[in-house]
Amino acid sequence: MRGLTLYARSRQAPAAMVALVLAAVVIWFATYQTWSILPASLAITSAAALASIGLSGQDADLDRTAAIRWPLRRSGHLFLIGVAVAGAVLAVQTAGQDQVATGLILRNTAGTVGLAAIATTAFGGRFGWTLPLAWLGIAPIVPSRPDTTSEVAAWMLRPVGTTAATVTATVLCIGGVLLYALVGARRT
C-alpha cells in the first residue's frame, strides 16, 4: 500500500484528481448549467488533459531502472484516470437538467485518455494534454457530413451510435493504452 501511495504522490495524482473535478464543475457553470455534447466533451478533454500531466515521473532514468511491473502500473494509471474523468463528468451532469448520454461520456473518455497516452509516449509527460485538446479544437470546425472522414475527425462530437466515432475512440483507447503501457513516457 505504501508503494501505491508513493507512486500516486510522485505522479501528482491527488492534485490531478482535484483539478479534473474542478474542470468539470467550472465548465458546467460556465455553460450556465446547460449540458450538451460540446460542453461535455470539453469537460472530458480538460479533465483528461489535467490528469495526463502525471503520466510521467520526475526522473525518467529512475523510472526505467525501477524493478517493478511498469506495463501493469501504467495501464492501471490510465484506467484510474478514465474512471475519475467519467465519474466527475457524470456526477456534474446529474446536478443539471440537461444530460448527455452515458455512452457518449464513456466513449469520449476512453478515446481522450487514449489520446493523452499517445501524446505522453510521443512528446513526454509535460505534453500529454496536446493531442486531446488539439483534436477537440479541430472537431467543431469539421463539416457535419455523414461521410466516414468527417465522422472520424469529429468523433468527440458525434452522437452515440455513430459507428465511425465509436471505432475511432476504441482504436485510440486501445492503441494509447498499449503504447503507453509498453513504452512509457518519452524522455524530455
N, C-alpha and C. Protein backbone atom coordinates (compact mmCIF):
# COMPACT_ATOMS: atom_id res chain seq x y z
N MET A 1 0.82 -1.19 0.00
CA MET A 1 0.00 0.00 0.00
C MET A 1 0.87 1.26 0.00
N ARG A 2 1.97 1.20 0.72
CA ARG A 2 2.86 2.35 0.79
C ARG A 2 3.44 2.66 -0.59
N GLY A 3 3.73 1.62 -1.37
CA GLY A 3 4.26 1.81 -2.72
C GLY A 3 3.27 2.53 -3.62
N LEU A 4 2.00 2.19 -3.51
CA LEU A 4 0.97 2.87 -4.31
C LEU A 4 0.80 4.32 -3.90
N THR A 5 0.90 4.57 -2.60
CA THR A 5 0.80 5.95 -2.12
C THR A 5 1.96 6.79 -2.64
N LEU A 6 3.16 6.24 -2.59
CA LEU A 6 4.32 6.95 -3.11
C LEU A 6 4.21 7.17 -4.61
N TYR A 7 3.71 6.16 -5.33
CA TYR A 7 3.53 6.28 -6.77
C TYR A 7 2.52 7.40 -7.08
N ALA A 8 1.41 7.42 -6.35
CA ALA A 8 0.39 8.45 -6.58
C ALA A 8 0.93 9.84 -6.32
N ARG A 9 1.71 9.98 -5.27
CA ARG A 9 2.30 11.28 -4.96
C ARG A 9 3.31 11.71 -6.02
N SER A 10 4.14 10.77 -6.46
CA SER A 10 5.16 11.11 -7.46
C SER A 10 4.54 11.49 -8.79
N ARG A 11 3.34 11.03 -9.05
CA ARG A 11 2.63 11.35 -10.30
C ARG A 11 1.62 12.48 -10.12
N GLN A 12 1.65 13.15 -9.00
CA GLN A 12 0.76 14.26 -8.69
C GLN A 12 -0.71 13.88 -8.81
N ALA A 13 -1.04 12.64 -8.46
CA ALA A 13 -2.41 12.15 -8.58
C ALA A 13 -3.41 12.91 -7.71
N PRO A 14 -3.10 13.22 -6.45
CA PRO A 14 -4.09 13.96 -5.65
C PRO A 14 -4.44 15.32 -6.26
N ALA A 15 -3.44 16.06 -6.71
CA ALA A 15 -3.70 17.36 -7.32
C ALA A 15 -4.45 17.21 -8.64
N ALA A 16 -4.11 16.18 -9.40
CA ALA A 16 -4.80 15.95 -10.68
C ALA A 16 -6.27 15.62 -10.46
N MET A 17 -6.57 14.85 -9.43
CA MET A 17 -7.97 14.49 -9.16
C MET A 17 -8.78 15.73 -8.78
N VAL A 18 -8.21 16.59 -7.96
CA VAL A 18 -8.91 17.82 -7.59
C VAL A 18 -9.09 18.70 -8.83
N ALA A 19 -8.05 18.82 -9.64
CA ALA A 19 -8.11 19.66 -10.84
C ALA A 19 -9.13 19.16 -11.85
N LEU A 20 -9.22 17.85 -12.03
CA LEU A 20 -10.17 17.34 -13.02
C LEU A 20 -11.61 17.52 -12.58
N VAL A 21 -11.87 17.38 -11.30
CA VAL A 21 -13.22 17.64 -10.79
C VAL A 21 -13.55 19.13 -10.94
N LEU A 22 -12.61 19.98 -10.60
CA LEU A 22 -12.82 21.42 -10.75
C LEU A 22 -13.06 21.81 -12.21
N ALA A 23 -12.34 21.18 -13.13
CA ALA A 23 -12.53 21.48 -14.56
C ALA A 23 -13.95 21.16 -14.99
N ALA A 24 -14.46 20.01 -14.58
CA ALA A 24 -15.83 19.63 -14.95
C ALA A 24 -16.85 20.59 -14.35
N VAL A 25 -16.65 20.97 -13.10
CA VAL A 25 -17.58 21.89 -12.43
C VAL A 25 -17.54 23.28 -13.06
N VAL A 26 -16.34 23.78 -13.32
CA VAL A 26 -16.20 25.12 -13.91
C VAL A 26 -16.83 25.17 -15.30
N ILE A 27 -16.61 24.16 -16.11
CA ILE A 27 -17.21 24.14 -17.45
C ILE A 27 -18.72 24.05 -17.36
N TRP A 28 -19.23 23.28 -16.42
CA TRP A 28 -20.67 23.17 -16.25
C TRP A 28 -21.27 24.53 -15.86
N PHE A 29 -20.61 25.22 -14.92
CA PHE A 29 -21.09 26.54 -14.52
C PHE A 29 -20.92 27.56 -15.65
N ALA A 30 -19.83 27.48 -16.40
CA ALA A 30 -19.58 28.43 -17.48
C ALA A 30 -20.61 28.32 -18.61
N THR A 31 -21.20 27.15 -18.75
CA THR A 31 -22.23 26.97 -19.78
C THR A 31 -23.63 27.16 -19.21
N TYR A 32 -23.71 27.81 -18.06
CA TYR A 32 -24.99 28.11 -17.40
C TYR A 32 -25.81 26.84 -17.14
N GLN A 33 -25.11 25.82 -16.74
CA GLN A 33 -25.70 24.53 -16.37
C GLN A 33 -26.48 23.88 -17.52
N THR A 34 -26.23 24.30 -18.75
CA THR A 34 -26.82 23.59 -19.89
C THR A 34 -25.75 22.64 -20.41
N TRP A 35 -26.12 21.44 -20.57
CA TRP A 35 -25.16 20.38 -20.87
C TRP A 35 -25.52 19.78 -22.22
N SER A 36 -24.59 19.83 -23.15
CA SER A 36 -24.78 19.21 -24.45
C SER A 36 -23.47 18.50 -24.81
N ILE A 37 -23.38 18.02 -26.03
CA ILE A 37 -22.19 17.25 -26.42
C ILE A 37 -20.92 18.10 -26.33
N LEU A 38 -20.96 19.34 -26.80
CA LEU A 38 -19.74 20.15 -26.81
C LEU A 38 -19.23 20.47 -25.40
N PRO A 39 -20.07 21.00 -24.49
CA PRO A 39 -19.54 21.24 -23.14
C PRO A 39 -19.10 19.96 -22.42
N ALA A 40 -19.83 18.87 -22.63
CA ALA A 40 -19.44 17.61 -22.00
C ALA A 40 -18.09 17.14 -22.55
N SER A 41 -17.90 17.26 -23.86
CA SER A 41 -16.62 16.86 -24.46
C SER A 41 -15.49 17.77 -23.99
N LEU A 42 -15.78 19.06 -23.82
CA LEU A 42 -14.78 19.98 -23.31
C LEU A 42 -14.40 19.64 -21.87
N ALA A 43 -15.39 19.28 -21.06
CA ALA A 43 -15.11 18.89 -19.68
C ALA A 43 -14.28 17.60 -19.64
N ILE A 44 -14.64 16.63 -20.46
CA ILE A 44 -13.89 15.37 -20.51
C ILE A 44 -12.45 15.62 -20.95
N THR A 45 -12.29 16.38 -22.01
CA THR A 45 -10.96 16.64 -22.55
C THR A 45 -10.11 17.44 -21.56
N SER A 46 -10.70 18.44 -20.94
CA SER A 46 -9.95 19.24 -19.96
C SER A 46 -9.53 18.40 -18.77
N ALA A 47 -10.45 17.59 -18.28
CA ALA A 47 -10.14 16.74 -17.12
C ALA A 47 -9.05 15.73 -17.46
N ALA A 48 -9.15 15.10 -18.63
CA ALA A 48 -8.14 14.12 -19.03
C ALA A 48 -6.80 14.80 -19.27
N ALA A 49 -6.82 15.99 -19.84
CA ALA A 49 -5.57 16.72 -20.07
C ALA A 49 -4.89 17.08 -18.76
N LEU A 50 -5.66 17.51 -17.78
CA LEU A 50 -5.09 17.84 -16.48
C LEU A 50 -4.52 16.60 -15.80
N ALA A 51 -5.21 15.49 -15.89
CA ALA A 51 -4.73 14.26 -15.25
C ALA A 51 -3.53 13.67 -15.98
N SER A 52 -3.40 13.94 -17.28
CA SER A 52 -2.30 13.34 -18.05
C SER A 52 -0.93 13.89 -17.68
N ILE A 53 -0.90 15.02 -17.01
CA ILE A 53 0.38 15.61 -16.62
C ILE A 53 1.14 14.66 -15.70
N GLY A 54 0.44 13.85 -14.94
CA GLY A 54 1.08 12.92 -14.02
C GLY A 54 1.47 11.59 -14.64
N LEU A 55 1.37 11.46 -15.96
CA LEU A 55 1.71 10.18 -16.59
C LEU A 55 3.20 9.92 -16.68
N SER A 56 4.01 10.92 -16.41
CA SER A 56 5.45 10.68 -16.38
C SER A 56 5.96 11.04 -14.99
N GLY A 57 7.02 10.38 -14.61
CA GLY A 57 7.59 10.61 -13.30
C GLY A 57 8.53 11.80 -13.30
N GLN A 58 9.10 12.07 -12.15
CA GLN A 58 10.02 13.19 -12.02
C GLN A 58 11.37 12.89 -12.65
N ASP A 59 11.74 11.61 -12.69
CA ASP A 59 13.04 11.21 -13.21
C ASP A 59 12.86 10.01 -14.14
N ALA A 60 13.02 10.22 -15.43
CA ALA A 60 12.81 9.15 -16.42
C ALA A 60 13.81 8.01 -16.23
N ASP A 61 15.05 8.33 -15.87
CA ASP A 61 16.05 7.29 -15.66
C ASP A 61 15.68 6.41 -14.47
N LEU A 62 15.19 7.01 -13.43
CA LEU A 62 14.76 6.24 -12.26
C LEU A 62 13.59 5.33 -12.61
N ASP A 63 12.64 5.84 -13.38
CA ASP A 63 11.51 5.02 -13.81
C ASP A 63 11.97 3.82 -14.63
N ARG A 64 12.92 4.03 -15.51
CA ARG A 64 13.37 2.96 -16.40
C ARG A 64 14.16 1.87 -15.67
N THR A 65 14.80 2.24 -14.55
CA THR A 65 15.62 1.26 -13.84
C THR A 65 14.90 0.61 -12.67
N ALA A 66 13.71 1.09 -12.35
CA ALA A 66 12.98 0.52 -11.21
C ALA A 66 12.56 -0.92 -11.52
N ALA A 67 12.66 -1.76 -10.53
CA ALA A 67 12.33 -3.18 -10.70
C ALA A 67 10.87 -3.44 -10.33
N ILE A 68 9.97 -2.83 -11.08
CA ILE A 68 8.54 -3.08 -10.89
C ILE A 68 7.91 -3.36 -12.24
N ARG A 69 6.70 -3.83 -12.23
CA ARG A 69 5.99 -4.16 -13.46
C ARG A 69 5.34 -2.89 -14.02
N TRP A 70 6.06 -2.20 -14.86
CA TRP A 70 5.57 -0.94 -15.39
C TRP A 70 4.34 -1.09 -16.27
N PRO A 71 4.26 -2.05 -17.17
CA PRO A 71 3.06 -2.12 -18.02
C PRO A 71 1.76 -2.22 -17.22
N LEU A 72 1.75 -3.01 -16.19
CA LEU A 72 0.55 -3.15 -15.37
C LEU A 72 0.25 -1.85 -14.63
N ARG A 73 1.26 -1.23 -14.08
CA ARG A 73 1.09 0.02 -13.33
C ARG A 73 0.64 1.15 -14.26
N ARG A 74 1.25 1.23 -15.44
CA ARG A 74 0.88 2.28 -16.38
C ARG A 74 -0.55 2.12 -16.88
N SER A 75 -0.92 0.90 -17.24
CA SER A 75 -2.29 0.70 -17.73
C SER A 75 -3.30 0.92 -16.60
N GLY A 76 -2.95 0.56 -15.38
CA GLY A 76 -3.82 0.84 -14.24
C GLY A 76 -3.99 2.33 -14.01
N HIS A 77 -2.91 3.07 -14.18
CA HIS A 77 -2.96 4.52 -14.03
C HIS A 77 -3.92 5.12 -15.06
N LEU A 78 -3.84 4.69 -16.30
CA LEU A 78 -4.75 5.17 -17.34
C LEU A 78 -6.20 4.80 -17.03
N PHE A 79 -6.40 3.59 -16.54
CA PHE A 79 -7.75 3.15 -16.19
C PHE A 79 -8.33 4.03 -15.08
N LEU A 80 -7.53 4.33 -14.08
CA LEU A 80 -8.00 5.18 -12.98
C LEU A 80 -8.28 6.60 -13.45
N ILE A 81 -7.48 7.11 -14.37
CA ILE A 81 -7.77 8.44 -14.93
C ILE A 81 -9.11 8.40 -15.65
N GLY A 82 -9.34 7.36 -16.43
CA GLY A 82 -10.61 7.23 -17.14
C GLY A 82 -11.80 7.15 -16.20
N VAL A 83 -11.67 6.38 -15.15
CA VAL A 83 -12.75 6.26 -14.17
C VAL A 83 -13.01 7.60 -13.48
N ALA A 84 -11.94 8.28 -13.11
CA ALA A 84 -12.09 9.58 -12.43
C ALA A 84 -12.71 10.62 -13.35
N VAL A 85 -12.29 10.68 -14.60
CA VAL A 85 -12.83 11.65 -15.55
C VAL A 85 -14.30 11.37 -15.81
N ALA A 86 -14.63 10.13 -16.16
CA ALA A 86 -16.03 9.79 -16.43
C ALA A 86 -16.89 9.99 -15.20
N GLY A 87 -16.39 9.61 -14.03
CA GLY A 87 -17.13 9.79 -12.79
C GLY A 87 -17.40 11.25 -12.48
N ALA A 88 -16.39 12.10 -12.69
CA ALA A 88 -16.56 13.54 -12.41
C ALA A 88 -17.59 14.15 -13.35
N VAL A 89 -17.52 13.84 -14.63
CA VAL A 89 -18.46 14.41 -15.60
C VAL A 89 -19.86 13.88 -15.37
N LEU A 90 -19.99 12.61 -15.08
CA LEU A 90 -21.32 12.05 -14.80
C LEU A 90 -21.91 12.67 -13.53
N ALA A 91 -21.09 12.87 -12.52
CA ALA A 91 -21.57 13.47 -11.27
C ALA A 91 -22.01 14.92 -11.49
N VAL A 92 -21.23 15.67 -12.25
CA VAL A 92 -21.57 17.06 -12.50
C VAL A 92 -22.86 17.17 -13.31
N GLN A 93 -23.01 16.32 -14.29
CA GLN A 93 -24.20 16.44 -15.15
C GLN A 93 -25.48 16.05 -14.41
N THR A 94 -25.40 15.25 -13.38
CA THR A 94 -26.62 14.90 -12.65
C THR A 94 -27.18 16.08 -11.87
N ALA A 95 -26.34 17.10 -11.64
CA ALA A 95 -26.82 18.28 -10.91
C ALA A 95 -27.66 19.19 -11.80
N GLY A 96 -27.60 19.00 -13.10
CA GLY A 96 -28.34 19.86 -14.02
C GLY A 96 -29.55 19.16 -14.60
N GLN A 97 -30.24 19.90 -15.44
CA GLN A 97 -31.44 19.35 -16.07
C GLN A 97 -31.10 18.69 -17.40
N ASP A 98 -30.16 19.25 -18.14
CA ASP A 98 -29.76 18.69 -19.42
C ASP A 98 -28.69 17.64 -19.18
N GLN A 99 -28.87 16.48 -19.80
CA GLN A 99 -27.89 15.43 -19.62
C GLN A 99 -27.50 14.85 -20.97
N VAL A 100 -26.26 14.40 -21.03
CA VAL A 100 -25.72 13.75 -22.21
C VAL A 100 -25.74 12.24 -21.94
N ALA A 101 -25.88 11.45 -22.99
CA ALA A 101 -25.93 10.00 -22.83
C ALA A 101 -24.67 9.49 -22.14
N THR A 102 -24.86 8.56 -21.23
CA THR A 102 -23.73 7.97 -20.52
C THR A 102 -22.76 7.30 -21.49
N GLY A 103 -23.29 6.67 -22.53
CA GLY A 103 -22.44 6.03 -23.53
C GLY A 103 -21.51 7.01 -24.22
N LEU A 104 -21.98 8.22 -24.46
CA LEU A 104 -21.15 9.24 -25.08
C LEU A 104 -20.01 9.65 -24.13
N ILE A 105 -20.33 9.80 -22.87
CA ILE A 105 -19.30 10.17 -21.89
C ILE A 105 -18.25 9.07 -21.78
N LEU A 106 -18.69 7.83 -21.73
CA LEU A 106 -17.74 6.73 -21.64
C LEU A 106 -16.89 6.61 -22.90
N ARG A 107 -17.53 6.74 -24.07
CA ARG A 107 -16.79 6.67 -25.34
C ARG A 107 -15.76 7.79 -25.42
N ASN A 108 -16.18 9.01 -25.14
CA ASN A 108 -15.26 10.14 -25.24
C ASN A 108 -14.15 10.08 -24.21
N THR A 109 -14.47 9.59 -23.04
CA THR A 109 -13.43 9.45 -22.01
C THR A 109 -12.39 8.43 -22.45
N ALA A 110 -12.83 7.29 -22.95
CA ALA A 110 -11.89 6.25 -23.39
C ALA A 110 -10.98 6.77 -24.51
N GLY A 111 -11.56 7.40 -25.50
CA GLY A 111 -10.76 7.92 -26.61
C GLY A 111 -9.82 9.03 -26.19
N THR A 112 -10.29 9.91 -25.32
CA THR A 112 -9.46 11.03 -24.88
C THR A 112 -8.31 10.56 -24.00
N VAL A 113 -8.55 9.61 -23.14
CA VAL A 113 -7.45 9.05 -22.32
C VAL A 113 -6.44 8.36 -23.23
N GLY A 114 -6.91 7.67 -24.25
CA GLY A 114 -6.00 7.06 -25.23
C GLY A 114 -5.16 8.10 -25.95
N LEU A 115 -5.78 9.21 -26.33
CA LEU A 115 -5.03 10.30 -26.97
C LEU A 115 -3.97 10.88 -26.03
N ALA A 116 -4.32 11.05 -24.77
CA ALA A 116 -3.36 11.56 -23.79
C ALA A 116 -2.20 10.58 -23.62
N ALA A 117 -2.49 9.30 -23.64
CA ALA A 117 -1.42 8.29 -23.51
C ALA A 117 -0.51 8.32 -24.73
N ILE A 118 -1.09 8.49 -25.92
CA ILE A 118 -0.27 8.57 -27.14
C ILE A 118 0.61 9.82 -27.09
N ALA A 119 0.04 10.94 -26.68
CA ALA A 119 0.81 12.19 -26.60
C ALA A 119 1.93 12.08 -25.58
N THR A 120 1.65 11.44 -24.45
CA THR A 120 2.68 11.27 -23.42
C THR A 120 3.82 10.41 -23.94
N THR A 121 3.49 9.36 -24.66
CA THR A 121 4.51 8.49 -25.21
C THR A 121 5.31 9.20 -26.30
N ALA A 122 4.64 9.98 -27.11
CA ALA A 122 5.31 10.64 -28.23
C ALA A 122 6.07 11.90 -27.82
N PHE A 123 5.50 12.71 -26.92
CA PHE A 123 6.06 14.02 -26.62
C PHE A 123 6.59 14.18 -25.20
N GLY A 124 6.25 13.27 -24.30
CA GLY A 124 6.66 13.37 -22.91
C GLY A 124 5.49 13.76 -22.02
N GLY A 125 5.68 13.56 -20.74
CA GLY A 125 4.60 13.77 -19.77
C GLY A 125 4.09 15.20 -19.70
N ARG A 126 4.95 16.16 -19.91
CA ARG A 126 4.51 17.56 -19.85
C ARG A 126 3.59 17.92 -21.00
N PHE A 127 3.57 17.10 -22.05
CA PHE A 127 2.78 17.42 -23.22
C PHE A 127 1.68 16.40 -23.49
N GLY A 128 1.27 15.68 -22.46
CA GLY A 128 0.19 14.71 -22.60
C GLY A 128 -1.14 15.34 -22.94
N TRP A 129 -1.29 16.60 -22.68
CA TRP A 129 -2.54 17.32 -22.94
C TRP A 129 -2.70 17.74 -24.40
N THR A 130 -1.62 17.71 -25.19
CA THR A 130 -1.64 18.32 -26.51
C THR A 130 -2.61 17.65 -27.49
N LEU A 131 -2.54 16.36 -27.66
CA LEU A 131 -3.40 15.69 -28.64
C LEU A 131 -4.89 15.76 -28.28
N PRO A 132 -5.28 15.53 -27.02
CA PRO A 132 -6.72 15.65 -26.71
C PRO A 132 -7.26 17.06 -27.00
N LEU A 133 -6.53 18.08 -26.59
CA LEU A 133 -7.02 19.45 -26.81
C LEU A 133 -6.96 19.83 -28.28
N ALA A 134 -5.94 19.38 -29.00
CA ALA A 134 -5.86 19.68 -30.42
C ALA A 134 -7.02 19.03 -31.18
N TRP A 135 -7.32 17.79 -30.85
CA TRP A 135 -8.41 17.10 -31.55
C TRP A 135 -9.74 17.77 -31.24
N LEU A 136 -9.94 18.15 -30.00
CA LEU A 136 -11.19 18.84 -29.65
C LEU A 136 -11.25 20.22 -30.30
N GLY A 137 -10.12 20.85 -30.50
CA GLY A 137 -10.10 22.14 -31.18
C GLY A 137 -10.47 22.04 -32.64
N ILE A 138 -10.18 20.92 -33.26
CA ILE A 138 -10.48 20.71 -34.67
C ILE A 138 -11.91 20.19 -34.86
N ALA A 139 -12.39 19.37 -33.95
CA ALA A 139 -13.69 18.70 -34.12
C ALA A 139 -14.86 19.65 -34.41
N PRO A 140 -14.99 20.80 -33.74
CA PRO A 140 -16.15 21.66 -34.02
C PRO A 140 -16.16 22.29 -35.41
N ILE A 141 -15.00 22.40 -36.06
CA ILE A 141 -14.97 23.03 -37.37
C ILE A 141 -15.06 22.04 -38.52
N VAL A 142 -15.13 20.75 -38.20
CA VAL A 142 -15.30 19.73 -39.24
C VAL A 142 -16.74 19.79 -39.73
N PRO A 143 -16.92 19.82 -41.04
CA PRO A 143 -18.29 19.85 -41.57
C PRO A 143 -19.09 18.63 -41.10
N SER A 144 -20.34 18.86 -40.81
CA SER A 144 -21.20 17.78 -40.31
C SER A 144 -21.80 17.02 -41.49
N ARG A 145 -21.00 16.19 -42.09
CA ARG A 145 -21.43 15.35 -43.21
C ARG A 145 -21.48 13.91 -42.75
N PRO A 146 -22.28 13.10 -43.41
CA PRO A 146 -22.38 11.69 -43.00
C PRO A 146 -21.26 10.80 -43.54
N ASP A 147 -20.18 11.37 -44.08
CA ASP A 147 -19.10 10.53 -44.59
C ASP A 147 -18.16 10.11 -43.46
N THR A 148 -17.44 9.05 -43.69
CA THR A 148 -16.59 8.46 -42.65
C THR A 148 -15.48 9.41 -42.21
N THR A 149 -14.89 10.14 -43.14
CA THR A 149 -13.80 11.05 -42.78
C THR A 149 -14.26 12.11 -41.78
N SER A 150 -15.42 12.70 -42.03
CA SER A 150 -15.96 13.71 -41.11
C SER A 150 -16.30 13.10 -39.76
N GLU A 151 -16.85 11.90 -39.78
CA GLU A 151 -17.22 11.26 -38.52
C GLU A 151 -16.00 10.87 -37.70
N VAL A 152 -14.92 10.49 -38.35
CA VAL A 152 -13.68 10.17 -37.64
C VAL A 152 -13.05 11.44 -37.09
N ALA A 153 -13.00 12.49 -37.92
CA ALA A 153 -12.36 13.74 -37.50
C ALA A 153 -13.11 14.40 -36.35
N ALA A 154 -14.42 14.26 -36.32
CA ALA A 154 -15.23 14.89 -35.27
C ALA A 154 -15.86 13.86 -34.35
N TRP A 155 -15.16 12.78 -34.08
CA TRP A 155 -15.74 11.69 -33.29
C TRP A 155 -16.19 12.15 -31.91
N MET A 156 -15.52 13.12 -31.33
CA MET A 156 -15.88 13.59 -29.98
C MET A 156 -17.26 14.23 -29.94
N LEU A 157 -17.71 14.76 -31.07
CA LEU A 157 -18.97 15.50 -31.10
C LEU A 157 -20.08 14.76 -31.82
N ARG A 158 -19.85 13.51 -32.15
CA ARG A 158 -20.88 12.71 -32.81
C ARG A 158 -21.74 12.01 -31.77
N PRO A 159 -23.02 11.82 -32.08
CA PRO A 159 -23.91 11.19 -31.11
C PRO A 159 -23.57 9.71 -30.89
N VAL A 160 -24.11 9.18 -29.82
CA VAL A 160 -23.94 7.75 -29.51
C VAL A 160 -24.56 6.95 -30.66
N GLY A 161 -23.91 5.89 -31.02
CA GLY A 161 -24.41 5.05 -32.09
C GLY A 161 -23.76 5.33 -33.43
N THR A 162 -22.92 6.35 -33.50
CA THR A 162 -22.17 6.62 -34.72
C THR A 162 -21.01 5.64 -34.76
N THR A 163 -21.05 4.72 -35.71
CA THR A 163 -20.08 3.63 -35.77
C THR A 163 -18.65 4.14 -35.91
N ALA A 164 -18.44 5.08 -36.81
CA ALA A 164 -17.08 5.60 -37.03
C ALA A 164 -16.53 6.26 -35.77
N ALA A 165 -17.37 6.97 -35.03
CA ALA A 165 -16.92 7.63 -33.80
C ALA A 165 -16.56 6.60 -32.74
N THR A 166 -17.37 5.57 -32.62
CA THR A 166 -17.11 4.52 -31.64
C THR A 166 -15.84 3.75 -31.98
N VAL A 167 -15.65 3.42 -33.25
CA VAL A 167 -14.45 2.70 -33.66
C VAL A 167 -13.21 3.57 -33.45
N THR A 168 -13.30 4.86 -33.78
CA THR A 168 -12.17 5.76 -33.58
C THR A 168 -11.78 5.85 -32.11
N ALA A 169 -12.76 6.04 -31.24
CA ALA A 169 -12.48 6.12 -29.80
C ALA A 169 -11.89 4.81 -29.28
N THR A 170 -12.40 3.69 -29.76
CA THR A 170 -11.89 2.38 -29.32
C THR A 170 -10.45 2.17 -29.76
N VAL A 171 -10.16 2.50 -31.01
CA VAL A 171 -8.80 2.34 -31.52
C VAL A 171 -7.84 3.26 -30.77
N LEU A 172 -8.25 4.51 -30.53
CA LEU A 172 -7.39 5.43 -29.78
C LEU A 172 -7.15 4.94 -28.36
N CYS A 173 -8.19 4.42 -27.74
CA CYS A 173 -8.06 3.93 -26.36
C CYS A 173 -7.12 2.73 -26.29
N ILE A 174 -7.41 1.73 -27.09
CA ILE A 174 -6.59 0.50 -27.05
C ILE A 174 -5.16 0.79 -27.48
N GLY A 175 -5.01 1.54 -28.57
CA GLY A 175 -3.67 1.88 -29.05
C GLY A 175 -2.89 2.70 -28.05
N GLY A 176 -3.55 3.69 -27.45
CA GLY A 176 -2.88 4.53 -26.46
C GLY A 176 -2.47 3.78 -25.22
N VAL A 177 -3.37 2.94 -24.72
CA VAL A 177 -3.06 2.17 -23.52
C VAL A 177 -1.91 1.20 -23.78
N LEU A 178 -1.95 0.49 -24.90
CA LEU A 178 -0.87 -0.45 -25.22
C LEU A 178 0.46 0.28 -25.41
N LEU A 179 0.43 1.36 -26.15
CA LEU A 179 1.66 2.11 -26.41
C LEU A 179 2.26 2.65 -25.11
N TYR A 180 1.44 3.29 -24.31
CA TYR A 180 1.95 3.86 -23.06
C TYR A 180 2.37 2.78 -22.07
N ALA A 181 1.60 1.71 -21.97
CA ALA A 181 1.92 0.64 -21.03
C ALA A 181 3.25 -0.03 -21.38
N LEU A 182 3.50 -0.22 -22.66
CA LEU A 182 4.73 -0.91 -23.06
C LEU A 182 5.94 0.00 -23.18
N VAL A 183 5.74 1.24 -23.59
CA VAL A 183 6.87 2.14 -23.83
C VAL A 183 7.08 3.14 -22.72
N GLY A 184 5.98 3.69 -22.21
CA GLY A 184 6.09 4.71 -21.16
C GLY A 184 6.22 6.10 -21.76
N ALA A 185 6.45 7.05 -20.89
CA ALA A 185 6.57 8.44 -21.30
C ALA A 185 7.91 8.70 -21.97
N ARG A 186 7.89 9.54 -22.96
CA ARG A 186 9.12 9.93 -23.64
C ARG A 186 9.96 10.78 -22.71
N ARG A 187 11.24 10.63 -22.79
CA ARG A 187 12.15 11.45 -22.00
C ARG A 187 12.18 12.85 -22.59
N THR A 188 12.05 13.84 -21.74
CA THR A 188 12.10 15.22 -22.22
C THR A 188 13.25 15.96 -21.61
